[in-house]
Amino acid sequence: MIDIYSLLILIPLVGLLFCLIRMIKGPSVFDRVLSLDGIAVCIVSIMILLSMKWKTQLYLDLILVFCVLGFFSTVAFCYYLEKVYVSEKEPND
């Protein structure tokens, strides 16, 4: 029998599919970085729903670590891309 958590897992899976499509078809690097952040959010939500379904708290540390890594990787990519694109557009004096 299908419970509510199994149905709720389908929502982040659909979001994950759309983020993967955006990562492949993204016209710019910034679209790909944002889709990477969306993939991290979808994976975290799937881990939360599975933790609730299995009624365990063992994965909470893993969820927190994955959230922090996803956030800092997005910030690091954006910081790097800002430095690269700003240095390309500014003329050298």
N, C-alpha and C. Protein backbone atom coordinates (compact mmCIF):
# COMPACT_ATOMS: atom_id res chain seq x y z
N MET A 1 0.84 -1.17 0.00
CA MET A 1 0.00 0.00 0.00
C MET A 1 0.89 1.25 0.00
N ILE A 2 0.50 2.21 -0.78
CA ILE A 2 1.27 3.44 -0.91
C ILE A 2 0.86 4.41 0.20
N ASP A 3 1.85 4.87 0.96
CA ASP A 3 1.55 5.83 2.01
C ASP A 3 1.80 7.25 1.49
N ILE A 4 1.52 8.22 2.33
CA ILE A 4 1.61 9.62 1.92
C ILE A 4 3.05 10.04 1.65
N TYR A 5 4.02 9.49 2.38
CA TYR A 5 5.41 9.86 2.18
C TYR A 5 5.92 9.41 0.82
N SER A 6 5.46 8.27 0.36
CA SER A 6 5.86 7.81 -0.97
C SER A 6 5.35 8.73 -2.06
N LEU A 7 4.16 9.26 -1.86
CA LEU A 7 3.62 10.21 -2.83
C LEU A 7 4.32 11.56 -2.74
N LEU A 8 4.67 11.97 -1.53
CA LEU A 8 5.35 13.25 -1.35
C LEU A 8 6.76 13.25 -1.92
N ILE A 9 7.39 12.09 -1.99
CA ILE A 9 8.73 12.00 -2.56
C ILE A 9 8.71 12.30 -4.06
N LEU A 10 7.58 12.10 -4.70
CA LEU A 10 7.49 12.38 -6.14
C LEU A 10 7.65 13.87 -6.45
N ILE A 11 7.25 14.74 -5.55
CA ILE A 11 7.34 16.18 -5.80
C ILE A 11 8.80 16.63 -5.93
N PRO A 12 9.68 16.30 -4.98
CA PRO A 12 11.09 16.69 -5.18
C PRO A 12 11.76 15.95 -6.35
N LEU A 13 11.29 14.76 -6.66
CA LEU A 13 11.85 14.05 -7.81
C LEU A 13 11.54 14.78 -9.11
N VAL A 14 10.34 15.32 -9.22
CA VAL A 14 9.99 16.10 -10.40
C VAL A 14 10.84 17.38 -10.45
N GLY A 15 11.02 18.04 -9.30
CA GLY A 15 11.88 19.21 -9.24
C GLY A 15 13.32 18.88 -9.60
N LEU A 16 13.78 17.71 -9.16
CA LEU A 16 15.13 17.25 -9.50
C LEU A 16 15.27 17.04 -11.00
N LEU A 17 14.25 16.49 -11.62
CA LEU A 17 14.27 16.28 -13.06
C LEU A 17 14.35 17.62 -13.80
N PHE A 18 13.56 18.61 -13.37
CA PHE A 18 13.60 19.92 -14.01
C PHE A 18 14.95 20.60 -13.80
N CYS A 19 15.54 20.43 -12.64
CA CYS A 19 16.87 21.02 -12.39
C CYS A 19 17.94 20.36 -13.25
N LEU A 20 17.83 19.05 -13.45
CA LEU A 20 18.79 18.37 -14.32
C LEU A 20 18.65 18.83 -15.77
N ILE A 21 17.42 19.05 -16.20
CA ILE A 21 17.20 19.56 -17.55
C ILE A 21 17.79 20.95 -17.68
N ARG A 22 17.59 21.80 -16.67
CA ARG A 22 18.15 23.15 -16.70
C ARG A 22 19.67 23.11 -16.69
N MET A 23 20.24 22.15 -15.98
CA MET A 23 21.70 22.05 -15.94
C MET A 23 22.24 21.65 -17.32
N ILE A 24 21.55 20.79 -18.02
CA ILE A 24 22.01 20.35 -19.33
C ILE A 24 21.78 21.43 -20.39
N LYS A 25 20.61 22.06 -20.38
CA LYS A 25 20.26 23.01 -21.42
C LYS A 25 20.59 24.45 -21.07
N GLY A 26 21.06 24.71 -19.85
CA GLY A 26 21.27 26.07 -19.39
C GLY A 26 22.09 26.91 -20.36
N PRO A 27 21.56 28.06 -20.77
CA PRO A 27 22.32 28.87 -21.73
C PRO A 27 23.54 29.54 -21.11
N SER A 28 23.56 29.70 -19.81
CA SER A 28 24.71 30.36 -19.19
C SER A 28 25.21 29.52 -18.01
N VAL A 29 26.38 29.90 -17.53
CA VAL A 29 26.97 29.21 -16.40
C VAL A 29 26.16 29.49 -15.13
N PHE A 30 25.59 30.67 -15.04
CA PHE A 30 24.81 31.02 -13.86
C PHE A 30 23.55 30.15 -13.74
N ASP A 31 22.94 29.79 -14.87
CA ASP A 31 21.80 28.87 -14.84
C ASP A 31 22.22 27.51 -14.31
N ARG A 32 23.39 27.08 -14.68
CA ARG A 32 23.87 25.78 -14.22
C ARG A 32 24.18 25.79 -12.73
N VAL A 33 24.71 26.91 -12.23
CA VAL A 33 24.99 27.01 -10.80
C VAL A 33 23.69 27.01 -10.01
N LEU A 34 22.69 27.74 -10.48
CA LEU A 34 21.40 27.76 -9.79
C LEU A 34 20.71 26.40 -9.85
N SER A 35 20.87 25.69 -10.95
CA SER A 35 20.28 24.35 -11.01
C SER A 35 21.01 23.40 -10.08
N LEU A 36 22.30 23.60 -9.88
CA LEU A 36 23.03 22.79 -8.91
C LEU A 36 22.51 23.03 -7.50
N ASP A 37 22.20 24.27 -7.18
CA ASP A 37 21.61 24.58 -5.88
C ASP A 37 20.22 23.96 -5.76
N GLY A 38 19.45 24.00 -6.83
CA GLY A 38 18.13 23.36 -6.82
C GLY A 38 18.21 21.85 -6.64
N ILE A 39 19.23 21.24 -7.23
CA ILE A 39 19.43 19.80 -7.06
C ILE A 39 19.75 19.49 -5.60
N ALA A 40 20.58 20.32 -4.98
CA ALA A 40 20.91 20.11 -3.57
C ALA A 40 19.67 20.23 -2.69
N VAL A 41 18.82 21.21 -2.98
CA VAL A 41 17.58 21.38 -2.20
C VAL A 41 16.65 20.18 -2.39
N CYS A 42 16.54 19.70 -3.60
CA CYS A 42 15.68 18.54 -3.86
C CYS A 42 16.20 17.29 -3.16
N ILE A 43 17.50 17.09 -3.17
CA ILE A 43 18.06 15.91 -2.50
C ILE A 43 17.86 16.00 -0.99
N VAL A 44 18.02 17.20 -0.44
CA VAL A 44 17.80 17.38 1.00
C VAL A 44 16.34 17.11 1.35
N SER A 45 15.42 17.59 0.52
CA SER A 45 14.01 17.34 0.82
C SER A 45 13.66 15.86 0.71
N ILE A 46 14.28 15.15 -0.21
CA ILE A 46 14.05 13.71 -0.31
C ILE A 46 14.60 13.00 0.92
N MET A 47 15.78 13.42 1.40
CA MET A 47 16.34 12.81 2.61
C MET A 47 15.47 13.09 3.82
N ILE A 48 14.90 14.28 3.91
CA ILE A 48 14.01 14.60 5.03
C ILE A 48 12.76 13.74 4.98
N LEU A 49 12.17 13.59 3.79
CA LEU A 49 10.96 12.78 3.68
C LEU A 49 11.25 11.30 3.97
N LEU A 50 12.39 10.81 3.54
CA LEU A 50 12.73 9.42 3.86
C LEU A 50 12.98 9.23 5.35
N SER A 51 13.59 10.22 5.98
CA SER A 51 13.81 10.14 7.42
C SER A 51 12.48 10.13 8.17
N MET A 52 11.53 10.91 7.69
CA MET A 52 10.20 10.90 8.33
C MET A 52 9.47 9.59 8.06
N LYS A 53 9.62 9.06 6.85
CA LYS A 53 8.94 7.81 6.51
C LYS A 53 9.47 6.64 7.34
N TRP A 54 10.80 6.59 7.53
CA TRP A 54 11.40 5.51 8.28
C TRP A 54 11.40 5.75 9.78
N LYS A 55 10.90 6.93 10.20
CA LYS A 55 10.79 7.29 11.63
C LYS A 55 12.14 7.15 12.34
N THR A 56 13.16 7.74 11.76
CA THR A 56 14.50 7.69 12.34
C THR A 56 15.11 9.09 12.35
N GLN A 57 16.00 9.32 13.29
CA GLN A 57 16.70 10.59 13.37
C GLN A 57 18.18 10.43 13.02
N LEU A 58 18.54 9.29 12.49
CA LEU A 58 19.94 9.02 12.19
C LEU A 58 20.48 9.89 11.06
N TYR A 59 19.61 10.33 10.17
CA TYR A 59 20.06 11.06 9.00
C TYR A 59 20.04 12.57 9.18
N LEU A 60 19.68 13.07 10.35
CA LEU A 60 19.59 14.51 10.55
C LEU A 60 20.96 15.18 10.44
N ASP A 61 22.00 14.56 10.95
CA ASP A 61 23.34 15.12 10.81
C ASP A 61 23.76 15.17 9.35
N LEU A 62 23.47 14.11 8.62
CA LEU A 62 23.80 14.07 7.20
C LEU A 62 23.03 15.14 6.44
N ILE A 63 21.78 15.35 6.79
CA ILE A 63 20.96 16.38 6.15
C ILE A 63 21.56 17.76 6.39
N LEU A 64 21.96 18.04 7.62
CA LEU A 64 22.55 19.33 7.94
C LEU A 64 23.87 19.55 7.20
N VAL A 65 24.70 18.53 7.14
CA VAL A 65 25.98 18.65 6.43
C VAL A 65 25.73 18.89 4.95
N PHE A 66 24.78 18.19 4.37
CA PHE A 66 24.49 18.35 2.95
C PHE A 66 23.94 19.74 2.67
N CYS A 67 23.10 20.28 3.58
CA CYS A 67 22.59 21.65 3.42
C CYS A 67 23.72 22.66 3.44
N VAL A 68 24.63 22.52 4.37
CA VAL A 68 25.75 23.46 4.49
C VAL A 68 26.66 23.36 3.27
N LEU A 69 26.96 22.15 2.83
CA LEU A 69 27.80 21.98 1.64
C LEU A 69 27.15 22.54 0.39
N GLY A 70 25.85 22.34 0.24
CA GLY A 70 25.14 22.89 -0.91
C GLY A 70 25.15 24.41 -0.91
N PHE A 71 24.94 25.00 0.26
CA PHE A 71 24.94 26.46 0.36
C PHE A 71 26.32 27.03 0.06
N PHE A 72 27.35 26.48 0.70
CA PHE A 72 28.69 27.03 0.50
C PHE A 72 29.22 26.77 -0.90
N SER A 73 28.83 25.67 -1.53
CA SER A 73 29.28 25.45 -2.90
C SER A 73 28.64 26.46 -3.84
N THR A 74 27.38 26.80 -3.62
CA THR A 74 26.74 27.81 -4.45
C THR A 74 27.38 29.17 -4.24
N VAL A 75 27.66 29.53 -3.00
CA VAL A 75 28.31 30.81 -2.71
C VAL A 75 29.71 30.85 -3.34
N ALA A 76 30.45 29.76 -3.24
CA ALA A 76 31.80 29.73 -3.80
C ALA A 76 31.78 29.84 -5.33
N PHE A 77 30.85 29.13 -5.97
CA PHE A 77 30.73 29.24 -7.43
C PHE A 77 30.39 30.66 -7.85
N CYS A 78 29.43 31.26 -7.17
CA CYS A 78 29.02 32.63 -7.52
C CYS A 78 30.15 33.63 -7.27
N TYR A 79 30.89 33.46 -6.21
CA TYR A 79 32.02 34.33 -5.92
C TYR A 79 33.09 34.20 -7.01
N TYR A 80 33.39 32.96 -7.39
CA TYR A 80 34.38 32.73 -8.44
C TYR A 80 33.90 33.31 -9.77
N LEU A 81 32.65 33.06 -10.13
CA LEU A 81 32.14 33.55 -11.41
C LEU A 81 32.08 35.07 -11.44
N GLU A 82 31.78 35.68 -10.31
CA GLU A 82 31.77 37.14 -10.26
C GLU A 82 33.17 37.68 -10.52
N LYS A 83 34.17 37.07 -9.90
CA LYS A 83 35.55 37.52 -10.11
C LYS A 83 35.99 37.33 -11.56
N VAL A 84 35.60 36.22 -12.17
CA VAL A 84 36.01 35.93 -13.54
C VAL A 84 35.32 36.88 -14.52
N TYR A 85 34.01 37.05 -14.40
CA TYR A 85 33.27 37.87 -15.35
C TYR A 85 33.54 39.36 -15.15
N VAL A 86 33.74 39.80 -13.92
CA VAL A 86 34.05 41.21 -13.70
C VAL A 86 35.43 41.52 -14.22
N SER A 87 36.40 40.63 -14.03
CA SER A 87 37.75 40.90 -14.52
C SER A 87 37.82 40.86 -16.05
N GLU A 88 36.94 40.11 -16.71
CA GLU A 88 36.92 40.09 -18.16
C GLU A 88 36.31 41.36 -18.73
N LYS A 89 35.33 41.95 -18.05
CA LYS A 89 34.62 43.11 -18.59
C LYS A 89 35.31 44.43 -18.26
N GLU A 90 36.11 44.48 -17.22
CA GLU A 90 36.80 45.72 -16.87
C GLU A 90 38.06 45.86 -17.72
N PRO A 91 38.28 47.06 -18.26
CA PRO A 91 39.51 47.25 -19.03
C PRO A 91 40.71 47.38 -18.09
N ASN A 92 41.83 46.88 -18.55
CA ASN A 92 43.06 46.99 -17.76
C ASN A 92 43.68 48.36 -17.96
N ASP A 93 44.01 49.01 -16.86
CA ASP A 93 44.62 50.35 -16.95
C ASP A 93 46.11 50.26 -16.94
